[in-house]
Amino acid sequence: MLITLNPDVDVPVFQQIHDEIVLAIARGQLFAGDKLDPVRQVAADIGINPATVKHAYDLLVADGLVETAGRSGSIVRPGAHTAAQEQQVRQRLRRVATLARAQGFSTEELHSYLDSTLKELA
């Protein structure tokens, strides 16, 4: 999988790697059971410390998107979500919506942004 990093943004490299993989899963470019490239390979391909890639993979595991089986590597988990993941998503959406409303975004704007984001992922 090709991971593209943007050095001109204030997003840490591990977060960019995480976000690229999440986006690939959301867009259907990575499927349940697909094996992620090994940490050392990704680090060598990008030219970064393996600990940075490991941090990104650990976040994917914490998100419930990937499971790691030691030397067997990391694979994308099946798409069925758990109640805990549903709760986590609800909490994150609530935080984002609350912040957006506090910044003056209307309900209609938020619905429009969410709809357009979901269409981009389809």
PDB file of N, CA and C in Angstrom:
ATOM      1  N   MET A   1       0.833  -1.175   0.000  1.00  0.00           N
ATOM      2  CA  MET A   1       0.000   0.000   0.000  1.00  0.00           C
ATOM      3  C   MET A   1       0.879   1.240   0.000  1.00  0.00           C
ATOM      4  N   LEU A   2       0.529   2.184  -0.816  1.00  0.00           N
ATOM      5  CA  LEU A   2       1.285   3.424  -0.913  1.00  0.00           C
ATOM      6  C   LEU A   2       0.762   4.430   0.105  1.00  0.00           C
ATOM      7  N   ILE A   3       1.637   4.891   0.957  1.00  0.00           N
ATOM      8  CA  ILE A   3       1.277   5.889   1.961  1.00  0.00           C
ATOM      9  C   ILE A   3       1.939   7.195   1.562  1.00  0.00           C
ATOM     10  N   THR A   4       1.126   8.240   1.455  1.00  0.00           N
ATOM     11  CA  THR A   4       1.626   9.552   1.070  1.00  0.00           C
ATOM     12  C   THR A   4       1.631  10.462   2.283  1.00  0.00           C
ATOM     13  N   LEU A   5       2.790  11.004   2.593  1.00  0.00           N
ATOM     14  CA  LEU A   5       2.919  11.918   3.716  1.00  0.00           C
ATOM     15  C   LEU A   5       3.025  13.345   3.204  1.00  0.00           C
ATOM     16  N   ASN A   6       2.503  14.266   3.986  1.00  0.00           N
ATOM     17  CA  ASN A   6       2.579  15.677   3.637  1.00  0.00           C
ATOM     18  C   ASN A   6       3.412  16.388   4.698  1.00  0.00           C
ATOM     19  N   PRO A   7       4.651  16.755   4.357  1.00  0.00           N
ATOM     20  CA  PRO A   7       5.520  17.402   5.343  1.00  0.00           C
ATOM     21  C   PRO A   7       5.106  18.839   5.649  1.00  0.00           C
ATOM     22  N   ASP A   8       4.180  19.398   4.871  1.00  0.00           N
ATOM     23  CA  ASP A   8       3.786  20.795   5.039  1.00  0.00           C
ATOM     24  C   ASP A   8       2.598  21.000   5.981  1.00  0.00           C
ATOM     25  N   VAL A   9       2.133  19.925   6.613  1.00  0.00           N
ATOM     26  CA  VAL A   9       1.006  20.051   7.550  1.00  0.00           C
ATOM     27  C   VAL A   9       1.498  19.834   8.972  1.00  0.00           C
ATOM     28  N   ASP A  10       0.705  20.297   9.917  1.00  0.00           N
ATOM     29  CA  ASP A  10       1.071  20.162  11.328  1.00  0.00           C
ATOM     30  C   ASP A  10       0.527  18.879  11.947  1.00  0.00           C
ATOM     31  N   VAL A  11       0.363  17.854  11.134  1.00  0.00           N
ATOM     32  CA  VAL A  11      -0.130  16.560  11.609  1.00  0.00           C
ATOM     33  C   VAL A  11       1.076  15.641  11.750  1.00  0.00           C
ATOM     34  N   PRO A  12       1.262  15.040  12.930  1.00  0.00           N
ATOM     35  CA  PRO A  12       2.414  14.148  13.115  1.00  0.00           C
ATOM     36  C   PRO A  12       2.413  13.006  12.093  1.00  0.00           C
ATOM     37  N   VAL A  13       3.593  12.529  11.768  1.00  0.00           N
ATOM     38  CA  VAL A  13       3.754  11.485  10.759  1.00  0.00           C
ATOM     39  C   VAL A  13       2.966  10.229  11.137  1.00  0.00           C
ATOM     40  N   PHE A  14       3.010   9.805  12.414  1.00  0.00           N
ATOM     41  CA  PHE A  14       2.288   8.601  12.801  1.00  0.00           C
ATOM     42  C   PHE A  14       0.788   8.774  12.557  1.00  0.00           C
ATOM     43  N   GLN A  15       0.274   9.993  12.775  1.00  0.00           N
ATOM     44  CA  GLN A  15      -1.154  10.248  12.564  1.00  0.00           C
ATOM     45  C   GLN A  15      -1.491  10.237  11.077  1.00  0.00           C
ATOM     46  N   GLN A  16      -0.583  10.748  10.250  1.00  0.00           N
ATOM     47  CA  GLN A  16      -0.799  10.720   8.803  1.00  0.00           C
ATOM     48  C   GLN A  16      -0.856   9.278   8.293  1.00  0.00           C
ATOM     49  N   ILE A  17       0.035   8.433   8.795  1.00  0.00           N
ATOM     50  CA  ILE A  17       0.034   7.018   8.398  1.00  0.00           C
ATOM     51  C   ILE A  17      -1.278   6.373   8.827  1.00  0.00           C
ATOM     52  N   HIS A  18      -1.656   6.576  10.069  1.00  0.00           N
ATOM     53  CA  HIS A  18      -2.917   6.055  10.600  1.00  0.00           C
ATOM     54  C   HIS A  18      -4.087   6.492   9.726  1.00  0.00           C
ATOM     55  N   ASP A  19      -4.156   7.788   9.452  1.00  0.00           N
ATOM     56  CA  ASP A  19      -5.279   8.343   8.702  1.00  0.00           C
ATOM     57  C   ASP A  19      -5.337   7.812   7.270  1.00  0.00           C
ATOM     58  N   GLU A  20      -4.194   7.608   6.650  1.00  0.00           N
ATOM     59  CA  GLU A  20      -4.147   7.052   5.286  1.00  0.00           C
ATOM     60  C   GLU A  20      -4.702   5.630   5.264  1.00  0.00           C
ATOM     61  N   ILE A  21      -4.360   4.837   6.264  1.00  0.00           N
ATOM     62  CA  ILE A  21      -4.844   3.457   6.323  1.00  0.00           C
ATOM     63  C   ILE A  21      -6.335   3.425   6.636  1.00  0.00           C
ATOM     64  N   VAL A  22      -6.784   4.276   7.550  1.00  0.00           N
ATOM     65  CA  VAL A  22      -8.220   4.359   7.855  1.00  0.00           C
ATOM     66  C   VAL A  22      -8.988   4.739   6.592  1.00  0.00           C
ATOM     67  N   LEU A  23      -8.483   5.703   5.852  1.00  0.00           N
ATOM     68  CA  LEU A  23      -9.138   6.130   4.619  1.00  0.00           C
ATOM     69  C   LEU A  23      -9.190   4.994   3.597  1.00  0.00           C
ATOM     70  N   ALA A  24      -8.114   4.236   3.481  1.00  0.00           N
ATOM     71  CA  ALA A  24      -8.090   3.107   2.546  1.00  0.00           C
ATOM     72  C   ALA A  24      -9.123   2.051   2.939  1.00  0.00           C
ATOM     73  N   ILE A  25      -9.288   1.816   4.227  1.00  0.00           N
ATOM     74  CA  ILE A  25     -10.298   0.859   4.687  1.00  0.00           C
ATOM     75  C   ILE A  25     -11.689   1.409   4.396  1.00  0.00           C
ATOM     76  N   ALA A  26     -11.908   2.680   4.711  1.00  0.00           N
ATOM     77  CA  ALA A  26     -13.217   3.305   4.511  1.00  0.00           C
ATOM     78  C   ALA A  26     -13.610   3.336   3.045  1.00  0.00           C
ATOM     79  N   ARG A  27     -12.647   3.501   2.162  1.00  0.00           N
ATOM     80  CA  ARG A  27     -12.924   3.565   0.720  1.00  0.00           C
ATOM     81  C   ARG A  27     -13.004   2.187   0.063  1.00  0.00           C
ATOM     82  N   GLY A  28     -12.738   1.154   0.841  1.00  0.00           N
ATOM     83  CA  GLY A  28     -12.784  -0.184   0.272  1.00  0.00           C
ATOM     84  C   GLY A  28     -11.542  -0.558  -0.516  1.00  0.00           C
ATOM     85  N   GLN A  29     -10.448   0.122  -0.253  1.00  0.00           N
ATOM     86  CA  GLN A  29      -9.176  -0.218  -0.893  1.00  0.00           C
ATOM     87  C   GLN A  29      -8.438  -1.295  -0.106  1.00  0.00           C
ATOM     88  N   LEU A  30      -8.778  -1.416   1.175  1.00  0.00           N
ATOM     89  CA  LEU A  30      -8.282  -2.487   2.033  1.00  0.00           C
ATOM     90  C   LEU A  30      -9.502  -3.199   2.604  1.00  0.00           C
ATOM     91  N   PHE A  31      -9.446  -4.519   2.633  1.00  0.00           N
ATOM     92  CA  PHE A  31     -10.580  -5.325   3.070  1.00  0.00           C
ATOM     93  C   PHE A  31     -10.212  -6.172   4.278  1.00  0.00           C
ATOM     94  N   ALA A  32     -11.238  -6.660   4.969  1.00  0.00           N
ATOM     95  CA  ALA A  32     -11.024  -7.567   6.089  1.00  0.00           C
ATOM     96  C   ALA A  32     -10.148  -8.723   5.644  1.00  0.00           C
ATOM     97  N   GLY A  33      -9.124  -9.006   6.437  1.00  0.00           N
ATOM     98  CA  GLY A  33      -8.197 -10.087   6.115  1.00  0.00           C
ATOM     99  C   GLY A  33      -6.972  -9.642   5.347  1.00  0.00           C
ATOM    100  N   ASP A  34      -7.004  -8.442   4.765  1.00  0.00           N
ATOM    101  CA  ASP A  34      -5.824  -7.941   4.054  1.00  0.00           C
ATOM    102  C   ASP A  34      -4.698  -7.706   5.050  1.00  0.00           C
ATOM    103  N   LYS A  35      -3.511  -8.081   4.640  1.00  0.00           N
ATOM    104  CA  LYS A  35      -2.334  -7.920   5.485  1.00  0.00           C
ATOM    105  C   LYS A  35      -1.695  -6.559   5.217  1.00  0.00           C
ATOM    106  N   LEU A  36      -1.396  -5.836   6.282  1.00  0.00           N
ATOM    107  CA  LEU A  36      -0.677  -4.574   6.139  1.00  0.00           C
ATOM    108  C   LEU A  36       0.801  -4.866   5.932  1.00  0.00           C
ATOM    109  N   ASP A  37       1.473  -3.953   5.249  1.00  0.00           N
ATOM    110  CA  ASP A  37       2.912  -4.105   5.068  1.00  0.00           C
ATOM    111  C   ASP A  37       3.587  -4.101   6.437  1.00  0.00           C
ATOM    112  N   PRO A  38       4.655  -4.873   6.594  1.00  0.00           N
ATOM    113  CA  PRO A  38       5.359  -4.900   7.886  1.00  0.00           C
ATOM    114  C   PRO A  38       5.871  -3.515   8.281  1.00  0.00           C
ATOM    115  N   VAL A  39       5.923  -3.279   9.568  1.00  0.00           N
ATOM    116  CA  VAL A  39       6.358  -1.994  10.115  1.00  0.00           C
ATOM    117  C   VAL A  39       7.702  -1.578   9.539  1.00  0.00           C
ATOM    118  N   ARG A  40       8.658  -2.486   9.546  1.00  0.00           N
ATOM    119  CA  ARG A  40      10.014  -2.144   9.073  1.00  0.00           C
ATOM    120  C   ARG A  40      10.015  -1.786   7.586  1.00  0.00           C
ATOM    121  N   GLN A  41       9.194  -2.480   6.817  1.00  0.00           N
ATOM    122  CA  GLN A  41       9.125  -2.189   5.383  1.00  0.00           C
ATOM    123  C   GLN A  41       8.545  -0.805   5.132  1.00  0.00           C
ATOM    124  N   VAL A  42       7.454  -0.472   5.825  1.00  0.00           N
ATOM    125  CA  VAL A  42       6.842   0.856   5.674  1.00  0.00           C
ATOM    126  C   VAL A  42       7.841   1.931   6.085  1.00  0.00           C
ATOM    127  N   ALA A  43       8.512   1.707   7.209  1.00  0.00           N
ATOM    128  CA  ALA A  43       9.495   2.680   7.687  1.00  0.00           C
ATOM    129  C   ALA A  43      10.618   2.876   6.670  1.00  0.00           C
ATOM    130  N   ALA A  44      11.108   1.788   6.103  1.00  0.00           N
ATOM    131  CA  ALA A  44      12.179   1.887   5.107  1.00  0.00           C
ATOM    132  C   ALA A  44      11.690   2.580   3.837  1.00  0.00           C
ATOM    133  N   ASP A  45      10.469   2.249   3.394  1.00  0.00           N
ATOM    134  CA  ASP A  45       9.913   2.853   2.183  1.00  0.00           C
ATOM    135  C   ASP A  45       9.757   4.365   2.328  1.00  0.00           C
ATOM    136  N   ILE A  46       9.341   4.792   3.513  1.00  0.00           N
ATOM    137  CA  ILE A  46       9.096   6.217   3.747  1.00  0.00           C
ATOM    138  C   ILE A  46      10.358   6.932   4.219  1.00  0.00           C
ATOM    139  N   GLY A  47      11.269   6.179   4.824  1.00  0.00           N
ATOM    140  CA  GLY A  47      12.501   6.773   5.346  1.00  0.00           C
ATOM    141  C   GLY A  47      12.309   7.381   6.726  1.00  0.00           C
ATOM    142  N   ILE A  48      11.582   6.634   7.588  1.00  0.00           N
ATOM    143  CA  ILE A  48      11.325   7.115   8.950  1.00  0.00           C
ATOM    144  C   ILE A  48      11.662   6.017   9.949  1.00  0.00           C
ATOM    145  N   ASN A  49      11.603   6.364  11.215  1.00  0.00           N
ATOM    146  CA  ASN A  49      11.873   5.425  12.290  1.00  0.00           C
ATOM    147  C   ASN A  49      10.742   4.391  12.381  1.00  0.00           C
ATOM    148  N   PRO A  50      11.074   3.101  12.511  1.00  0.00           N
ATOM    149  CA  PRO A  50      10.032   2.081  12.651  1.00  0.00           C
ATOM    150  C   PRO A  50       9.084   2.325  13.839  1.00  0.00           C
ATOM    151  N   ALA A  51       9.561   2.971  14.887  1.00  0.00           N
ATOM    152  CA  ALA A  51       8.716   3.257  16.046  1.00  0.00           C
ATOM    153  C   ALA A  51       7.547   4.169  15.654  1.00  0.00           C
ATOM    154  N   THR A  52       7.749   5.020  14.675  1.00  0.00           N
ATOM    155  CA  THR A  52       6.687   5.916  14.213  1.00  0.00           C
ATOM    156  C   THR A  52       5.577   5.112  13.530  1.00  0.00           C
ATOM    157  N   VAL A  53       5.966   4.161  12.711  1.00  0.00           N
ATOM    158  CA  VAL A  53       4.991   3.298  12.033  1.00  0.00           C
ATOM    159  C   VAL A  53       4.288   2.417  13.059  1.00  0.00           C
ATOM    160  N   LYS A  54       5.043   1.897  14.008  1.00  0.00           N
ATOM    161  CA  LYS A  54       4.460   1.062  15.067  1.00  0.00           C
ATOM    162  C   LYS A  54       3.399   1.840  15.838  1.00  0.00           C
ATOM    163  N   HIS A  55       3.675   3.099  16.121  1.00  0.00           N
ATOM    164  CA  HIS A  55       2.713   3.951  16.819  1.00  0.00           C
ATOM    165  C   HIS A  55       1.416   4.051  16.005  1.00  0.00           C
ATOM    166  N   ALA A  56       1.523   4.251  14.704  1.00  0.00           N
ATOM    167  CA  ALA A  56       0.347   4.327  13.835  1.00  0.00           C
ATOM    168  C   ALA A  56      -0.425   3.010  13.854  1.00  0.00           C
ATOM    169  N   TYR A  57       0.278   1.895  13.762  1.00  0.00           N
ATOM    170  CA  TYR A  57      -0.365   0.578  13.784  1.00  0.00           C
ATOM    171  C   TYR A  57      -1.039   0.329  15.136  1.00  0.00           C
ATOM    172  N   ASP A  58      -0.392   0.757  16.215  1.00  0.00           N
ATOM    173  CA  ASP A  58      -0.994   0.596  17.545  1.00  0.00           C
ATOM    174  C   ASP A  58      -2.311   1.371  17.645  1.00  0.00           C
ATOM    175  N   LEU A  59      -2.369   2.555  17.044  1.00  0.00           N
ATOM    176  CA  LEU A  59      -3.612   3.325  17.028  1.00  0.00           C
ATOM    177  C   LEU A  59      -4.702   2.595  16.241  1.00  0.00           C
ATOM    178  N   LEU A  60      -4.325   1.964  15.136  1.00  0.00           N
ATOM    179  CA  LEU A  60      -5.282   1.202  14.331  1.00  0.00           C
ATOM    180  C   LEU A  60      -5.841   0.028  15.134  1.00  0.00           C
ATOM    181  N   VAL A  61      -4.985  -0.598  15.924  1.00  0.00           N
ATOM    182  CA  VAL A  61      -5.435  -1.689  16.796  1.00  0.00           C
ATOM    183  C   VAL A  61      -6.397  -1.137  17.842  1.00  0.00           C
ATOM    184  N   ALA A  62      -6.030  -0.012  18.458  1.00  0.00           N
ATOM    185  CA  ALA A  62      -6.891   0.606  19.471  1.00  0.00           C
ATOM    186  C   ALA A  62      -8.240   1.017  18.887  1.00  0.00           C
ATOM    187  N   ASP A  63      -8.258   1.390  17.623  1.00  0.00           N
ATOM    188  CA  ASP A  63      -9.499   1.763  16.939  1.00  0.00           C
ATOM    189  C   ASP A  63     -10.344   0.542  16.573  1.00  0.00           C
ATOM    190  N   GLY A  64      -9.753  -0.664  16.713  1.00  0.00           N
ATOM    191  CA  GLY A  64     -10.477  -1.876  16.366  1.00  0.00           C
ATOM    192  C   GLY A  64     -10.501  -2.172  14.881  1.00  0.00           C
ATOM    193  N   LEU A  65      -9.619  -1.520  14.122  1.00  0.00           N
ATOM    194  CA  LEU A  65      -9.589  -1.713  12.669  1.00  0.00           C
ATOM    195  C   LEU A  65      -8.595  -2.774  12.230  1.00  0.00           C
ATOM    196  N   VAL A  66      -7.601  -3.005  13.060  1.00  0.00           N
ATOM    197  CA  VAL A  66      -6.499  -3.909  12.712  1.00  0.00           C
ATOM    198  C   VAL A  66      -6.217  -4.796  13.909  1.00  0.00           C
ATOM    199  N   GLU A  67      -5.814  -6.016  13.632  1.00  0.00           N
ATOM    200  CA  GLU A  67      -5.322  -6.879  14.706  1.00  0.00           C
ATOM    201  C   GLU A  67      -3.918  -7.321  14.346  1.00  0.00           C
ATOM    202  N   THR A  68      -3.085  -7.420  15.361  1.00  0.00           N
ATOM    203  CA  THR A  68      -1.690  -7.788  15.168  1.00  0.00           C
ATOM    204  C   THR A  68      -1.436  -9.121  15.848  1.00  0.00           C
ATOM    205  N   ALA A  69      -0.824 -10.022  15.098  1.00  0.00           N
ATOM    206  CA  ALA A  69      -0.542 -11.357  15.612  1.00  0.00           C
ATOM    207  C   ALA A  69       0.965 -11.593  15.628  1.00  0.00           C
ATOM    208  N   GLY A  70       1.668 -10.777  16.401  1.00  0.00           N
ATOM    209  CA  GLY A  70       3.114 -10.943  16.544  1.00  0.00           C
ATOM    210  C   GLY A  70       3.842 -10.960  15.220  1.00  0.00           C
ATOM    211  N   ARG A  71       4.587 -12.019  15.000  1.00  0.00           N
ATOM    212  CA  ARG A  71       5.380 -12.124  13.770  1.00  0.00           C
ATOM    213  C   ARG A  71       4.528 -12.390  12.535  1.00  0.00           C
ATOM    214  N   SER A  72       3.275 -12.749  12.734  1.00  0.00           N
ATOM    215  CA  SER A  72       2.387 -12.979  11.594  1.00  0.00           C
ATOM    216  C   SER A  72       1.973 -11.680  10.926  1.00  0.00           C
ATOM    217  N   GLY A  73       2.168 -10.574  11.610  1.00  0.00           N
ATOM    218  CA  GLY A  73       1.876  -9.275  11.025  1.00  0.00           C
ATOM    219  C   GLY A  73       0.539  -8.717  11.443  1.00  0.00           C
ATOM    220  N   SER A  74       0.174  -7.661  10.787  1.00  0.00           N
ATOM    221  CA  SER A  74      -1.066  -6.951  11.087  1.00  0.00           C
ATOM    222  C   SER A  74      -2.043  -7.125   9.938  1.00  0.00           C
ATOM    223  N   ILE A  75      -3.298  -7.422  10.287  1.00  0.00           N
ATOM    224  CA  ILE A  75      -4.315  -7.598   9.259  1.00  0.00           C
ATOM    225  C   ILE A  75      -5.528  -6.723   9.582  1.00  0.00           C
ATOM    226  N   VAL A  76      -6.260  -6.376   8.529  1.00  0.00           N
ATOM    227  CA  VAL A  76      -7.483  -5.601   8.691  1.00  0.00           C
ATOM    228  C   VAL A  76      -8.545  -6.515   9.284  1.00  0.00           C
ATOM    229  N   ARG A  77      -9.204  -6.026  10.323  1.00  0.00           N
ATOM    230  CA  ARG A  77     -10.259  -6.800  10.994  1.00  0.00           C
ATOM    231  C   ARG A  77     -11.542  -6.781  10.171  1.00  0.00           C
ATOM    232  N   PRO A  78     -12.408  -7.774  10.400  1.00  0.00           N
ATOM    233  CA  PRO A  78     -13.720  -7.759   9.746  1.00  0.00           C
ATOM    234  C   PRO A  78     -14.485  -6.488  10.090  1.00  0.00           C
ATOM    235  N   GLY A  79     -15.361  -6.060   9.185  1.00  0.00           N
ATOM    236  CA  GLY A  79     -16.048  -4.782   9.294  1.00  0.00           C
ATOM    237  C   GLY A  79     -17.147  -4.664  10.327  1.00  0.00           C
ATOM    238  N   ALA A  80     -17.641  -5.768  10.874  1.00  0.00           N
ATOM    239  CA  ALA A  80     -18.724  -5.672  11.856  1.00  0.00           C
ATOM    240  C   ALA A  80     -18.212  -4.969  13.101  1.00  0.00           C
ATOM    241  N   HIS A  81     -18.909  -3.929  13.514  1.00  0.00           N
ATOM    242  CA  HIS A  81     -18.443  -3.167  14.665  1.00  0.00           C
ATOM    243  C   HIS A  81     -19.073  -3.676  15.955  1.00  0.00           C
ATOM    244  N   THR A  82     -18.350  -3.411  17.018  1.00  0.00           N
ATOM    245  CA  THR A  82     -18.811  -3.835  18.346  1.00  0.00           C
ATOM    246  C   THR A  82     -19.570  -2.685  19.012  1.00  0.00           C
ATOM    247  N   ALA A  83     -20.248  -2.993  20.095  1.00  0.00           N
ATOM    248  CA  ALA A  83     -20.955  -1.968  20.862  1.00  0.00           C
ATOM    249  C   ALA A  83     -19.971  -0.935  21.397  1.00  0.00           C
ATOM    250  N   ALA A  84     -18.791  -1.373  21.800  1.00  0.00           N
ATOM    251  CA  ALA A  84     -17.777  -0.446  22.310  1.00  0.00           C
ATOM    252  C   ALA A  84     -17.315   0.506  21.205  1.00  0.00           C
ATOM    253  N   GLN A  85     -17.147  -0.012  19.995  1.00  0.00           N
ATOM    254  CA  GLN A  85     -16.746   0.847  18.883  1.00  0.00           C
ATOM    255  C   GLN A  85     -17.851   1.837  18.541  1.00  0.00           C
ATOM    256  N   GLU A  86     -19.102   1.370  18.595  1.00  0.00           N
ATOM    257  CA  GLU A  86     -20.218   2.271  18.332  1.00  0.00           C
ATOM    258  C   GLU A  86     -20.223   3.415  19.346  1.00  0.00           C
ATOM    259  N   GLN A  87     -20.015   3.095  20.596  1.00  0.00           N
ATOM    260  CA  GLN A  87     -19.969   4.113  21.639  1.00  0.00           C
ATOM    261  C   GLN A  87     -18.824   5.096  21.394  1.00  0.00           C
ATOM    262  N   GLN A  88     -17.676   4.569  20.991  1.00  0.00           N
ATOM    263  CA  GLN A  88     -16.514   5.412  20.718  1.00  0.00           C
ATOM    264  C   GLN A  88     -16.809   6.380  19.566  1.00  0.00           C
ATOM    265  N   VAL A  89     -17.445   5.895  18.522  1.00  0.00           N
ATOM    266  CA  VAL A  89     -17.785   6.744  17.381  1.00  0.00           C
ATOM    267  C   VAL A  89     -18.791   7.817  17.797  1.00  0.00           C
ATOM    268  N   ARG A  90     -19.783   7.411  18.561  1.00  0.00           N
ATOM    269  CA  ARG A  90     -20.785   8.384  19.038  1.00  0.00           C
ATOM    270  C   ARG A  90     -20.117   9.493  19.860  1.00  0.00           C
ATOM    271  N   GLN A  91     -19.175   9.124  20.721  1.00  0.00           N
ATOM    272  CA  GLN A  91     -18.481  10.118  21.546  1.00  0.00           C
ATOM    273  C   GLN A  91     -17.653  11.064  20.684  1.00  0.00           C
ATOM    274  N   ARG A  92     -16.960  10.504  19.691  1.00  0.00           N
ATOM    275  CA  ARG A  92     -16.139  11.341  18.810  1.00  0.00           C
ATOM    276  C   ARG A  92     -17.008  12.296  17.993  1.00  0.00           C
ATOM    277  N   LEU A  93     -18.119  11.780  17.456  1.00  0.00           N
ATOM    278  CA  LEU A  93     -19.022  12.634  16.691  1.00  0.00           C
ATOM    279  C   LEU A  93     -19.608  13.737  17.563  1.00  0.00           C
ATOM    280  N   ARG A  94     -19.937  13.393  18.794  1.00  0.00           N
ATOM    281  CA  ARG A  94     -20.482  14.389  19.724  1.00  0.00           C
ATOM    282  C   ARG A  94     -19.458  15.497  19.971  1.00  0.00           C
ATOM    283  N   ARG A  95     -18.186  15.120  20.188  1.00  0.00           N
ATOM    284  CA  ARG A  95     -17.144  16.128  20.418  1.00  0.00           C
ATOM    285  C   ARG A  95     -16.986  17.042  19.203  1.00  0.00           C
ATOM    286  N   VAL A  96     -16.950  16.457  18.017  1.00  0.00           N
ATOM    287  CA  VAL A  96     -16.784  17.242  16.796  1.00  0.00           C
ATOM    288  C   VAL A  96     -17.991  18.155  16.578  1.00  0.00           C
ATOM    289  N   ALA A  97     -19.194  17.605  16.734  1.00  0.00           N
ATOM    290  CA  ALA A  97     -20.402  18.404  16.543  1.00  0.00           C
ATOM    291  C   ALA A  97     -20.487  19.531  17.560  1.00  0.00           C
ATOM    292  N   THR A  98     -20.142  19.257  18.797  1.00  0.00           N
ATOM    293  CA  THR A  98     -20.181  20.277  19.847  1.00  0.00           C
ATOM    294  C   THR A  98     -19.198  21.395  19.540  1.00  0.00           C
ATOM    295  N   LEU A  99     -17.989  21.037  19.150  1.00  0.00           N
ATOM    296  CA  LEU A  99     -16.988  22.038  18.799  1.00  0.00           C
ATOM    297  C   LEU A  99     -17.453  22.869  17.609  1.00  0.00           C
ATOM    298  N   ALA A 100     -17.980  22.209  16.579  1.00  0.00           N
ATOM    299  CA  ALA A 100     -18.438  22.921  15.383  1.00  0.00           C
ATOM    300  C   ALA A 100     -19.575  23.890  15.717  1.00  0.00           C
ATOM    301  N   ARG A 101     -20.520  23.446  16.527  1.00  0.00           N
ATOM    302  CA  ARG A 101     -21.635  24.324  16.909  1.00  0.00           C
ATOM    303  C   ARG A 101     -21.115  25.504  17.723  1.00  0.00           C
ATOM    304  N   ALA A 102     -20.144  25.260  18.613  1.00  0.00           N
ATOM    305  CA  ALA A 102     -19.556  26.341  19.405  1.00  0.00           C
ATOM    306  C   ALA A 102     -18.834  27.350  18.509  1.00  0.00           C
ATOM    307  N   GLN A 103     -18.351  26.882  17.369  1.00  0.00           N
ATOM    308  CA  GLN A 103     -17.665  27.766  16.421  1.00  0.00           C
ATOM    309  C   GLN A 103     -18.636  28.446  15.463  1.00  0.00           C
ATOM    310  N   GLY A 104     -19.935  28.149  15.612  1.00  0.00           N
ATOM    311  CA  GLY A 104     -20.931  28.847  14.817  1.00  0.00           C
ATOM    312  C   GLY A 104     -21.456  28.113  13.599  1.00  0.00           C
ATOM    313  N   PHE A 105     -21.069  26.856  13.404  1.00  0.00           N
ATOM    314  CA  PHE A 105     -21.586  26.095  12.270  1.00  0.00           C
ATOM    315  C   PHE A 105     -23.039  25.696  12.548  1.00  0.00           C
ATOM    316  N   SER A 106     -23.877  25.793  11.525  1.00  0.00           N
ATOM    317  CA  SER A 106     -25.290  25.446  11.681  1.00  0.00           C
ATOM    318  C   SER A 106     -25.485  23.941  11.537  1.00  0.00           C
ATOM    319  N   THR A 107     -26.642  23.482  11.983  1.00  0.00           N
ATOM    320  CA  THR A 107     -26.995  22.069  11.834  1.00  0.00           C
ATOM    321  C   THR A 107     -26.986  21.678  10.363  1.00  0.00           C
ATOM    322  N   GLU A 108     -27.513  22.546   9.514  1.00  0.00           N
ATOM    323  CA  GLU A 108     -27.570  22.271   8.080  1.00  0.00           C
ATOM    324  C   GLU A 108     -26.164  22.136   7.494  1.00  0.00           C
ATOM    325  N   GLU A 109     -25.254  23.008   7.922  1.00  0.00           N
ATOM    326  CA  GLU A 109     -23.877  22.921   7.439  1.00  0.00           C
ATOM    327  C   GLU A 109     -23.241  21.601   7.862  1.00  0.00           C
ATOM    328  N   LEU A 110     -23.466  21.224   9.102  1.00  0.00           N
ATOM    329  CA  LEU A 110     -22.877  19.977   9.592  1.00  0.00           C
ATOM    330  C   LEU A 110     -23.437  18.774   8.833  1.00  0.00           C
ATOM    331  N   HIS A 111     -24.747  18.762   8.595  1.00  0.00           N
ATOM    332  CA  HIS A 111     -25.345  17.679   7.803  1.00  0.00           C
ATOM    333  C   HIS A 111     -24.745  17.649   6.396  1.00  0.00           C
ATOM    334  N   SER A 112     -24.580  18.812   5.809  1.00  0.00           N
ATOM    335  CA  SER A 112     -24.018  18.906   4.461  1.00  0.00           C
ATOM    336  C   SER A 112     -22.581  18.374   4.428  1.00  0.00           C
ATOM    337  N   TYR A 113     -21.774  18.756   5.424  1.00  0.00           N
ATOM    338  CA  TYR A 113     -20.384  18.296   5.481  1.00  0.00           C
ATOM    339  C   TYR A 113     -20.320  16.778   5.661  1.00  0.00           C
ATOM    340  N   LEU A 114     -21.160  16.263   6.532  1.00  0.00           N
ATOM    341  CA  LEU A 114     -21.168  14.810   6.764  1.00  0.00           C
ATOM    342  C   LEU A 114     -21.621  14.076   5.507  1.00  0.00           C
ATOM    343  N   ASP A 115     -22.673  14.564   4.871  1.00  0.00           N
ATOM    344  CA  ASP A 115     -23.169  13.937   3.635  1.00  0.00           C
ATOM    345  C   ASP A 115     -22.097  13.939   2.546  1.00  0.00           C
ATOM    346  N   SER A 116     -21.421  15.073   2.372  1.00  0.00           N
ATOM    347  CA  SER A 116     -20.407  15.140   1.318  1.00  0.00           C
ATOM    348  C   SER A 116     -19.214  14.246   1.635  1.00  0.00           C
ATOM    349  N   THR A 117     -18.849  14.150   2.907  1.00  0.00           N
ATOM    350  CA  THR A 117     -17.744  13.259   3.306  1.00  0.00           C
ATOM    351  C   THR A 117     -18.095  11.805   3.029  1.00  0.00           C
ATOM    352  N   LEU A 118     -19.309  11.414   3.384  1.00  0.00           N
ATOM    353  CA  LEU A 118     -19.738  10.031   3.142  1.00  0.00           C
ATOM    354  C   LEU A 118     -19.802   9.726   1.655  1.00  0.00           C
ATOM    355  N   LYS A 119     -20.205  10.694   0.843  1.00  0.00           N
ATOM    356  CA  LYS A 119     -20.239  10.501  -0.617  1.00  0.00           C
ATOM    357  C   LYS A 119     -18.833  10.319  -1.169  1.00  0.00           C
ATOM    358  N   GLU A 120     -17.865  11.070  -0.630  1.00  0.00           N
ATOM    359  CA  GLU A 120     -16.465  10.938  -1.068  1.00  0.00           C
ATOM    360  C   GLU A 120     -15.935   9.542  -0.776  1.00  0.00           C
ATOM    361  N   LEU A 121     -16.413   8.931   0.288  1.00  0.00           N
ATOM    362  CA  LEU A 121     -15.928   7.601   0.670  1.00  0.00           C
ATOM    363  C   LEU A 121     -16.575   6.486  -0.132  1.00  0.00           C
ATOM    364  N   ALA A 122     -17.717   6.787  -0.752  1.00  0.00           N
ATOM    365  CA  ALA A 122     -18.461   5.741  -1.490  1.00  0.00           C
ATOM    366  C   ALA A 122     -17.769   5.351  -2.769  1.00  0.00           C
TER     367      ALA A 122
END
